[in-house]
Amino acid sequence: MYCKKITISDISDVCDLYISEENLQLNSNEYKNYIINAQEVYKKMHANGSYTLGCFLDSGEIVGVINVNKILDYFPNYENNPYIHLETFIVKKDYQNKGVGTYLMTNTMELIKKEGCTYVIIQSNNKYVQRICQKIGLKDSIRDMRYNFIK
């Protein structure tokens, strides 16, 4: 097993993972548009220094992903380095509770530390994500609050 930053050529596999894990039903036209839109979003993320880290089996199959969003802040002592907001942490159902999520999160934390980020935030009401985060040393600070403009 290994982790690497997702490339544009990996986006369709990431989309397939999202679709299968969320049980989404897309017709072929919707699927094609989803892939095209996802590639454009990823290009924008990448241009801002953000990326998706993927967890792969030695066979090359992707079994987990997490979005690493770099965000600038101007709070005192944080203005020179970005902080990280982790989002969309997904592990393929067949690989849950087998160490994949912990492996992915550990690799994510090592990578963003090397990149000089100041702090990390992940907001999740998922008890498994919370357990992984606590296991690797993240502290519970706030709860998730949001307003979804897309219904």
N, C-alpha and C. Protein backbone atom coordinates (compact mmCIF):
# COMPACT_ATOMS: atom_id res chain seq x y z
N MET A 1 0.86 -1.17 0.00
CA MET A 1 0.00 0.00 0.00
C MET A 1 0.90 1.23 0.00
N TYR A 2 0.45 2.28 -0.68
CA TYR A 2 1.21 3.51 -0.73
C TYR A 2 0.24 4.68 -0.91
N CYS A 3 0.72 5.88 -0.58
CA CYS A 3 -0.06 7.10 -0.78
C CYS A 3 0.67 7.99 -1.76
N LYS A 4 -0.10 8.72 -2.55
CA LYS A 4 0.47 9.71 -3.47
C LYS A 4 -0.59 10.75 -3.77
N LYS A 5 -0.10 11.91 -4.22
CA LYS A 5 -1.02 12.95 -4.65
C LYS A 5 -1.69 12.49 -5.94
N ILE A 6 -2.98 12.71 -5.99
CA ILE A 6 -3.77 12.35 -7.16
C ILE A 6 -3.37 13.25 -8.33
N THR A 7 -3.32 12.65 -9.52
CA THR A 7 -3.09 13.43 -10.73
C THR A 7 -4.40 13.48 -11.52
N ILE A 8 -4.42 14.30 -12.54
CA ILE A 8 -5.61 14.40 -13.39
C ILE A 8 -6.00 13.03 -13.94
N SER A 9 -5.02 12.22 -14.28
CA SER A 9 -5.34 10.90 -14.84
C SER A 9 -5.99 9.97 -13.80
N ASP A 10 -5.87 10.29 -12.51
CA ASP A 10 -6.50 9.49 -11.45
C ASP A 10 -7.93 9.93 -11.13
N ILE A 11 -8.34 11.09 -11.65
CA ILE A 11 -9.62 11.67 -11.23
C ILE A 11 -10.80 10.75 -11.52
N SER A 12 -10.83 10.08 -12.64
CA SER A 12 -11.97 9.20 -12.91
C SER A 12 -12.05 8.08 -11.88
N ASP A 13 -10.90 7.56 -11.42
CA ASP A 13 -10.91 6.53 -10.38
C ASP A 13 -11.41 7.10 -9.05
N VAL A 14 -11.02 8.33 -8.75
CA VAL A 14 -11.52 8.99 -7.53
C VAL A 14 -13.03 9.16 -7.62
N CYS A 15 -13.50 9.62 -8.77
CA CYS A 15 -14.95 9.79 -8.97
C CYS A 15 -15.68 8.46 -8.83
N ASP A 16 -15.12 7.40 -9.38
CA ASP A 16 -15.73 6.08 -9.25
C ASP A 16 -15.82 5.66 -7.78
N LEU A 17 -14.77 5.98 -7.00
CA LEU A 17 -14.79 5.68 -5.57
C LEU A 17 -15.91 6.45 -4.88
N TYR A 18 -16.03 7.76 -5.17
CA TYR A 18 -17.10 8.57 -4.59
C TYR A 18 -18.47 8.01 -4.95
N ILE A 19 -18.65 7.69 -6.21
CA ILE A 19 -19.95 7.18 -6.70
C ILE A 19 -20.31 5.88 -6.00
N SER A 20 -19.36 4.96 -5.92
CA SER A 20 -19.68 3.66 -5.31
C SER A 20 -19.91 3.78 -3.80
N GLU A 21 -19.12 4.59 -3.12
CA GLU A 21 -19.24 4.69 -1.66
C GLU A 21 -20.46 5.49 -1.23
N GLU A 22 -20.94 6.36 -2.09
CA GLU A 22 -22.13 7.16 -1.78
C GLU A 22 -23.38 6.59 -2.44
N ASN A 23 -23.23 5.47 -3.13
CA ASN A 23 -24.34 4.81 -3.83
C ASN A 23 -25.10 5.76 -4.76
N LEU A 24 -24.34 6.55 -5.51
CA LEU A 24 -24.94 7.50 -6.45
C LEU A 24 -25.33 6.76 -7.73
N GLN A 25 -26.43 7.18 -8.31
CA GLN A 25 -26.90 6.60 -9.57
C GLN A 25 -26.80 7.67 -10.65
N LEU A 26 -25.86 7.51 -11.57
CA LEU A 26 -25.67 8.46 -12.65
C LEU A 26 -25.83 7.75 -13.99
N ASN A 27 -26.55 8.40 -14.91
CA ASN A 27 -26.61 7.84 -16.26
C ASN A 27 -25.28 8.17 -16.96
N SER A 28 -25.07 7.65 -18.14
CA SER A 28 -23.77 7.81 -18.81
C SER A 28 -23.44 9.27 -19.09
N ASN A 29 -24.45 10.07 -19.45
CA ASN A 29 -24.21 11.49 -19.69
C ASN A 29 -23.84 12.22 -18.40
N GLU A 30 -24.55 11.93 -17.33
CA GLU A 30 -24.24 12.55 -16.03
C GLU A 30 -22.84 12.14 -15.56
N TYR A 31 -22.50 10.88 -15.78
CA TYR A 31 -21.18 10.38 -15.39
C TYR A 31 -20.07 11.11 -16.16
N LYS A 32 -20.25 11.23 -17.47
CA LYS A 32 -19.26 11.92 -18.30
C LYS A 32 -19.08 13.37 -17.85
N ASN A 33 -20.19 14.07 -17.59
CA ASN A 33 -20.11 15.45 -17.13
C ASN A 33 -19.47 15.55 -15.74
N TYR A 34 -19.77 14.58 -14.89
CA TYR A 34 -19.17 14.55 -13.56
C TYR A 34 -17.65 14.46 -13.65
N ILE A 35 -17.15 13.58 -14.49
CA ILE A 35 -15.70 13.42 -14.65
C ILE A 35 -15.08 14.72 -15.18
N ILE A 36 -15.68 15.30 -16.19
CA ILE A 36 -15.16 16.56 -16.77
C ILE A 36 -15.14 17.66 -15.72
N ASN A 37 -16.23 17.82 -14.99
CA ASN A 37 -16.31 18.85 -13.95
C ASN A 37 -15.30 18.60 -12.83
N ALA A 38 -15.16 17.34 -12.44
CA ALA A 38 -14.21 16.99 -11.37
C ALA A 38 -12.78 17.32 -11.79
N GLN A 39 -12.45 17.07 -13.04
CA GLN A 39 -11.11 17.40 -13.54
C GLN A 39 -10.86 18.90 -13.49
N GLU A 40 -11.87 19.69 -13.85
CA GLU A 40 -11.73 21.15 -13.81
C GLU A 40 -11.58 21.65 -12.37
N VAL A 41 -12.36 21.08 -11.46
CA VAL A 41 -12.25 21.47 -10.05
C VAL A 41 -10.85 21.12 -9.53
N TYR A 42 -10.37 19.93 -9.88
CA TYR A 42 -9.06 19.53 -9.40
C TYR A 42 -7.96 20.44 -9.93
N LYS A 43 -8.07 20.86 -11.17
CA LYS A 43 -7.09 21.80 -11.72
C LYS A 43 -7.08 23.09 -10.92
N LYS A 44 -8.25 23.59 -10.54
CA LYS A 44 -8.34 24.81 -9.73
C LYS A 44 -7.77 24.59 -8.33
N MET A 45 -8.09 23.44 -7.73
CA MET A 45 -7.53 23.11 -6.41
C MET A 45 -6.01 23.10 -6.48
N HIS A 46 -5.50 22.40 -7.48
CA HIS A 46 -4.06 22.25 -7.63
C HIS A 46 -3.38 23.60 -7.85
N ALA A 47 -4.00 24.47 -8.60
CA ALA A 47 -3.44 25.80 -8.86
C ALA A 47 -3.30 26.61 -7.57
N ASN A 48 -4.14 26.33 -6.58
CA ASN A 48 -4.08 27.04 -5.30
C ASN A 48 -3.22 26.30 -4.27
N GLY A 49 -2.56 25.23 -4.68
CA GLY A 49 -1.72 24.47 -3.76
C GLY A 49 -2.44 23.35 -3.04
N SER A 50 -3.73 23.22 -3.25
CA SER A 50 -4.50 22.14 -2.64
C SER A 50 -4.40 20.90 -3.52
N TYR A 51 -4.76 19.76 -2.95
CA TYR A 51 -4.67 18.51 -3.70
C TYR A 51 -5.48 17.43 -3.00
N THR A 52 -5.58 16.27 -3.64
CA THR A 52 -6.19 15.10 -3.05
C THR A 52 -5.09 14.07 -2.88
N LEU A 53 -5.01 13.50 -1.69
CA LEU A 53 -4.06 12.43 -1.45
C LEU A 53 -4.81 11.12 -1.54
N GLY A 54 -4.27 10.19 -2.30
CA GLY A 54 -4.91 8.90 -2.48
C GLY A 54 -4.12 7.78 -1.83
N CYS A 55 -4.83 6.77 -1.38
CA CYS A 55 -4.22 5.56 -0.84
C CYS A 55 -4.46 4.45 -1.86
N PHE A 56 -3.39 3.82 -2.30
CA PHE A 56 -3.45 2.83 -3.36
C PHE A 56 -2.91 1.48 -2.87
N LEU A 57 -3.50 0.42 -3.37
CA LEU A 57 -2.94 -0.91 -3.18
C LEU A 57 -1.75 -1.04 -4.12
N ASP A 58 -0.89 -2.00 -3.88
CA ASP A 58 0.25 -2.21 -4.77
C ASP A 58 -0.18 -2.49 -6.20
N SER A 59 -1.40 -2.99 -6.38
CA SER A 59 -1.93 -3.25 -7.72
C SER A 59 -2.31 -1.97 -8.47
N GLY A 60 -2.34 -0.84 -7.74
CA GLY A 60 -2.73 0.44 -8.34
C GLY A 60 -4.17 0.82 -8.07
N GLU A 61 -4.93 -0.06 -7.42
CA GLU A 61 -6.33 0.25 -7.10
C GLU A 61 -6.38 1.29 -5.99
N ILE A 62 -7.20 2.32 -6.21
CA ILE A 62 -7.37 3.36 -5.20
C ILE A 62 -8.41 2.89 -4.18
N VAL A 63 -8.05 2.97 -2.90
CA VAL A 63 -8.95 2.48 -1.85
C VAL A 63 -9.30 3.56 -0.83
N GLY A 64 -8.72 4.75 -0.96
CA GLY A 64 -9.06 5.84 -0.05
C GLY A 64 -8.53 7.16 -0.57
N VAL A 65 -9.21 8.23 -0.20
CA VAL A 65 -8.79 9.58 -0.58
C VAL A 65 -9.14 10.57 0.51
N ILE A 66 -8.40 11.67 0.51
CA ILE A 66 -8.72 12.80 1.38
C ILE A 66 -8.29 14.07 0.66
N ASN A 67 -9.15 15.08 0.70
CA ASN A 67 -8.82 16.37 0.09
C ASN A 67 -8.04 17.21 1.09
N VAL A 68 -6.92 17.77 0.62
CA VAL A 68 -6.06 18.61 1.42
C VAL A 68 -6.18 20.03 0.86
N ASN A 69 -6.94 20.86 1.54
CA ASN A 69 -7.17 22.23 1.08
C ASN A 69 -6.30 23.20 1.86
N LYS A 70 -5.41 23.87 1.14
CA LYS A 70 -4.53 24.86 1.77
C LYS A 70 -5.24 26.20 1.78
N ILE A 71 -5.27 26.80 2.95
CA ILE A 71 -6.00 28.05 3.13
C ILE A 71 -5.06 29.05 3.80
N LEU A 72 -5.01 30.25 3.26
CA LEU A 72 -4.19 31.29 3.87
C LEU A 72 -4.98 32.01 4.96
N ASP A 73 -4.27 32.46 5.96
CA ASP A 73 -4.90 33.18 7.07
C ASP A 73 -3.99 34.34 7.43
N TYR A 74 -4.54 35.39 8.01
CA TYR A 74 -3.71 36.51 8.42
C TYR A 74 -3.78 36.72 9.93
N PHE A 75 -4.20 35.71 10.66
CA PHE A 75 -4.17 35.75 12.12
C PHE A 75 -2.71 35.83 12.54
N PRO A 76 -2.39 36.59 13.60
CA PRO A 76 -0.99 36.73 14.02
C PRO A 76 -0.29 35.37 14.18
N ASN A 77 0.92 35.32 13.65
CA ASN A 77 1.79 34.14 13.65
C ASN A 77 1.38 33.06 12.65
N TYR A 78 0.30 33.26 11.92
CA TYR A 78 -0.13 32.29 10.91
C TYR A 78 -0.08 32.87 9.50
N GLU A 79 0.27 34.14 9.37
CA GLU A 79 0.12 34.81 8.08
C GLU A 79 1.13 34.36 7.02
N ASN A 80 2.19 33.70 7.39
CA ASN A 80 3.21 33.32 6.41
C ASN A 80 3.08 31.89 5.88
N ASN A 81 2.25 31.08 6.50
CA ASN A 81 2.08 29.70 6.08
C ASN A 81 0.60 29.34 6.08
N PRO A 82 0.19 28.51 5.15
CA PRO A 82 -1.22 28.13 5.11
C PRO A 82 -1.57 27.15 6.22
N TYR A 83 -2.85 27.09 6.51
CA TYR A 83 -3.33 25.99 7.33
C TYR A 83 -4.08 25.05 6.41
N ILE A 84 -4.42 23.90 6.92
CA ILE A 84 -5.04 22.86 6.11
C ILE A 84 -6.44 22.56 6.61
N HIS A 85 -7.36 22.49 5.69
CA HIS A 85 -8.71 21.99 5.99
C HIS A 85 -8.85 20.68 5.24
N LEU A 86 -8.97 19.58 5.99
CA LEU A 86 -9.13 18.27 5.38
C LEU A 86 -10.60 17.99 5.14
N GLU A 87 -10.91 17.47 3.97
CA GLU A 87 -12.31 17.22 3.60
C GLU A 87 -12.42 15.94 2.79
N THR A 88 -13.64 15.45 2.69
CA THR A 88 -13.99 14.31 1.84
C THR A 88 -13.03 13.14 2.06
N PHE A 89 -12.99 12.68 3.28
CA PHE A 89 -12.16 11.53 3.67
C PHE A 89 -12.99 10.27 3.44
N ILE A 90 -12.62 9.51 2.41
CA ILE A 90 -13.39 8.32 2.04
C ILE A 90 -12.46 7.12 1.91
N VAL A 91 -12.88 6.01 2.51
CA VAL A 91 -12.19 4.73 2.35
C VAL A 91 -13.20 3.75 1.78
N LYS A 92 -12.78 3.01 0.77
CA LYS A 92 -13.64 2.01 0.14
C LYS A 92 -14.15 1.03 1.20
N LYS A 93 -15.45 0.74 1.14
CA LYS A 93 -16.10 -0.10 2.17
C LYS A 93 -15.36 -1.40 2.44
N ASP A 94 -14.88 -2.07 1.40
CA ASP A 94 -14.18 -3.35 1.57
C ASP A 94 -12.88 -3.21 2.36
N TYR A 95 -12.38 -1.98 2.52
CA TYR A 95 -11.10 -1.75 3.19
C TYR A 95 -11.24 -0.98 4.49
N GLN A 96 -12.47 -0.71 4.91
CA GLN A 96 -12.69 -0.02 6.18
C GLN A 96 -12.38 -0.96 7.33
N ASN A 97 -11.92 -0.40 8.43
CA ASN A 97 -11.55 -1.15 9.63
C ASN A 97 -10.40 -2.13 9.38
N LYS A 98 -9.56 -1.78 8.42
CA LYS A 98 -8.38 -2.62 8.12
C LYS A 98 -7.10 -1.79 8.13
N GLY A 99 -7.17 -0.58 8.70
CA GLY A 99 -5.98 0.27 8.82
C GLY A 99 -5.75 1.22 7.67
N VAL A 100 -6.57 1.16 6.64
CA VAL A 100 -6.36 2.03 5.46
C VAL A 100 -6.57 3.50 5.83
N GLY A 101 -7.64 3.80 6.56
CA GLY A 101 -7.91 5.19 6.94
C GLY A 101 -6.82 5.76 7.82
N THR A 102 -6.35 4.98 8.76
CA THR A 102 -5.26 5.43 9.64
C THR A 102 -3.98 5.64 8.82
N TYR A 103 -3.70 4.72 7.92
CA TYR A 103 -2.53 4.84 7.05
C TYR A 103 -2.61 6.12 6.20
N LEU A 104 -3.77 6.35 5.61
CA LEU A 104 -3.96 7.54 4.78
C LEU A 104 -3.83 8.81 5.60
N MET A 105 -4.45 8.86 6.77
CA MET A 105 -4.39 10.06 7.59
C MET A 105 -2.98 10.29 8.13
N THR A 106 -2.27 9.24 8.51
CA THR A 106 -0.89 9.37 8.98
C THR A 106 -0.01 9.94 7.88
N ASN A 107 -0.15 9.41 6.67
CA ASN A 107 0.63 9.92 5.54
C ASN A 107 0.27 11.36 5.20
N THR A 108 -1.00 11.69 5.32
CA THR A 108 -1.45 13.06 5.07
C THR A 108 -0.78 14.01 6.06
N MET A 109 -0.81 13.66 7.33
CA MET A 109 -0.22 14.52 8.36
C MET A 109 1.29 14.68 8.15
N GLU A 110 1.98 13.61 7.80
CA GLU A 110 3.43 13.70 7.53
C GLU A 110 3.71 14.62 6.36
N LEU A 111 2.93 14.51 5.30
CA LEU A 111 3.14 15.32 4.11
C LEU A 111 2.88 16.79 4.38
N ILE A 112 1.77 17.11 5.04
CA ILE A 112 1.47 18.53 5.25
C ILE A 112 2.42 19.16 6.27
N LYS A 113 2.94 18.37 7.19
CA LYS A 113 3.96 18.90 8.11
C LYS A 113 5.21 19.29 7.33
N LYS A 114 5.64 18.43 6.39
CA LYS A 114 6.81 18.74 5.55
C LYS A 114 6.58 19.98 4.71
N GLU A 115 5.31 20.24 4.34
CA GLU A 115 5.00 21.39 3.49
C GLU A 115 4.93 22.71 4.28
N GLY A 116 5.14 22.66 5.59
CA GLY A 116 5.23 23.87 6.39
C GLY A 116 3.89 24.47 6.80
N CYS A 117 2.86 23.70 6.85
CA CYS A 117 1.56 24.22 7.24
C CYS A 117 1.51 24.46 8.75
N THR A 118 0.67 25.39 9.16
CA THR A 118 0.64 25.82 10.56
C THR A 118 -0.30 24.99 11.43
N TYR A 119 -1.44 24.61 10.91
CA TYR A 119 -2.35 23.76 11.68
C TYR A 119 -3.34 23.08 10.74
N VAL A 120 -4.05 22.10 11.29
CA VAL A 120 -4.96 21.26 10.51
C VAL A 120 -6.33 21.26 11.15
N ILE A 121 -7.34 21.34 10.30
CA ILE A 121 -8.73 21.23 10.75
C ILE A 121 -9.40 20.14 9.92
N ILE A 122 -10.15 19.29 10.59
CA ILE A 122 -11.05 18.37 9.91
C ILE A 122 -12.34 18.37 10.71
N GLN A 123 -13.45 18.53 10.03
CA GLN A 123 -14.75 18.53 10.69
C GLN A 123 -15.54 17.33 10.17
N SER A 124 -15.91 16.46 11.09
CA SER A 124 -16.65 15.29 10.68
C SER A 124 -17.51 14.80 11.84
N ASN A 125 -18.71 14.42 11.51
CA ASN A 125 -19.59 13.79 12.49
C ASN A 125 -19.51 12.27 12.39
N ASN A 126 -18.66 11.77 11.51
CA ASN A 126 -18.49 10.34 11.32
C ASN A 126 -17.62 9.79 12.45
N LYS A 127 -18.16 8.87 13.24
CA LYS A 127 -17.44 8.37 14.41
C LYS A 127 -16.15 7.64 14.03
N TYR A 128 -16.09 7.02 12.86
CA TYR A 128 -14.88 6.33 12.43
C TYR A 128 -13.78 7.32 12.07
N VAL A 129 -14.16 8.40 11.39
CA VAL A 129 -13.19 9.46 11.06
C VAL A 129 -12.69 10.09 12.36
N GLN A 130 -13.60 10.37 13.28
CA GLN A 130 -13.20 10.96 14.56
C GLN A 130 -12.23 10.05 15.31
N ARG A 131 -12.48 8.73 15.30
CA ARG A 131 -11.61 7.78 15.99
C ARG A 131 -10.22 7.76 15.36
N ILE A 132 -10.15 7.78 14.03
CA ILE A 132 -8.85 7.80 13.34
C ILE A 132 -8.09 9.08 13.70
N CYS A 133 -8.79 10.19 13.66
CA CYS A 133 -8.15 11.48 13.96
C CYS A 133 -7.61 11.51 15.39
N GLN A 134 -8.39 11.02 16.33
CA GLN A 134 -7.92 10.97 17.72
C GLN A 134 -6.74 10.03 17.86
N LYS A 135 -6.76 8.90 17.15
CA LYS A 135 -5.70 7.91 17.22
C LYS A 135 -4.36 8.51 16.80
N ILE A 136 -4.37 9.40 15.80
CA ILE A 136 -3.10 9.96 15.33
C ILE A 136 -2.77 11.30 15.97
N GLY A 137 -3.59 11.75 16.94
CA GLY A 137 -3.21 12.90 17.74
C GLY A 137 -4.00 14.19 17.53
N LEU A 138 -4.99 14.20 16.66
CA LEU A 138 -5.80 15.41 16.52
C LEU A 138 -6.69 15.54 17.75
N LYS A 139 -6.89 16.77 18.19
CA LYS A 139 -7.69 17.04 19.38
C LYS A 139 -9.05 17.57 18.99
N ASP A 140 -10.07 17.15 19.71
CA ASP A 140 -11.44 17.62 19.47
C ASP A 140 -11.54 19.07 19.91
N SER A 141 -11.96 19.93 19.00
CA SER A 141 -12.00 21.36 19.29
C SER A 141 -13.38 21.96 19.06
N ILE A 142 -13.92 21.76 17.87
CA ILE A 142 -15.21 22.37 17.52
C ILE A 142 -16.08 21.35 16.82
N ARG A 143 -17.33 21.66 16.69
CA ARG A 143 -18.26 20.80 15.96
C ARG A 143 -18.58 21.45 14.61
N ASP A 144 -19.01 20.64 13.70
CA ASP A 144 -19.31 21.06 12.34
C ASP A 144 -20.60 21.86 12.29
N MET A 145 -20.56 23.01 11.69
CA MET A 145 -21.75 23.82 11.43
C MET A 145 -21.65 24.26 9.98
N ARG A 146 -22.76 24.18 9.27
CA ARG A 146 -22.71 24.57 7.86
C ARG A 146 -24.09 24.94 7.36
N TYR A 147 -24.08 25.59 6.22
CA TYR A 147 -25.30 25.88 5.50
C TYR A 147 -25.06 25.44 4.06
N ASN A 148 -25.88 24.60 3.55
CA ASN A 148 -25.69 24.05 2.21
C ASN A 148 -26.58 24.82 1.22
N PHE A 149 -25.97 25.56 0.31
CA PHE A 149 -26.71 26.31 -0.70
C PHE A 149 -27.17 25.42 -1.84
N ILE A 150 -26.61 24.22 -1.94
CA ILE A 150 -27.02 23.28 -2.98
C ILE A 150 -27.93 22.25 -2.35
N LYS A 151 -29.14 22.21 -2.81
CA LYS A 151 -30.13 21.27 -2.23
C LYS A 151 -30.14 19.99 -3.00
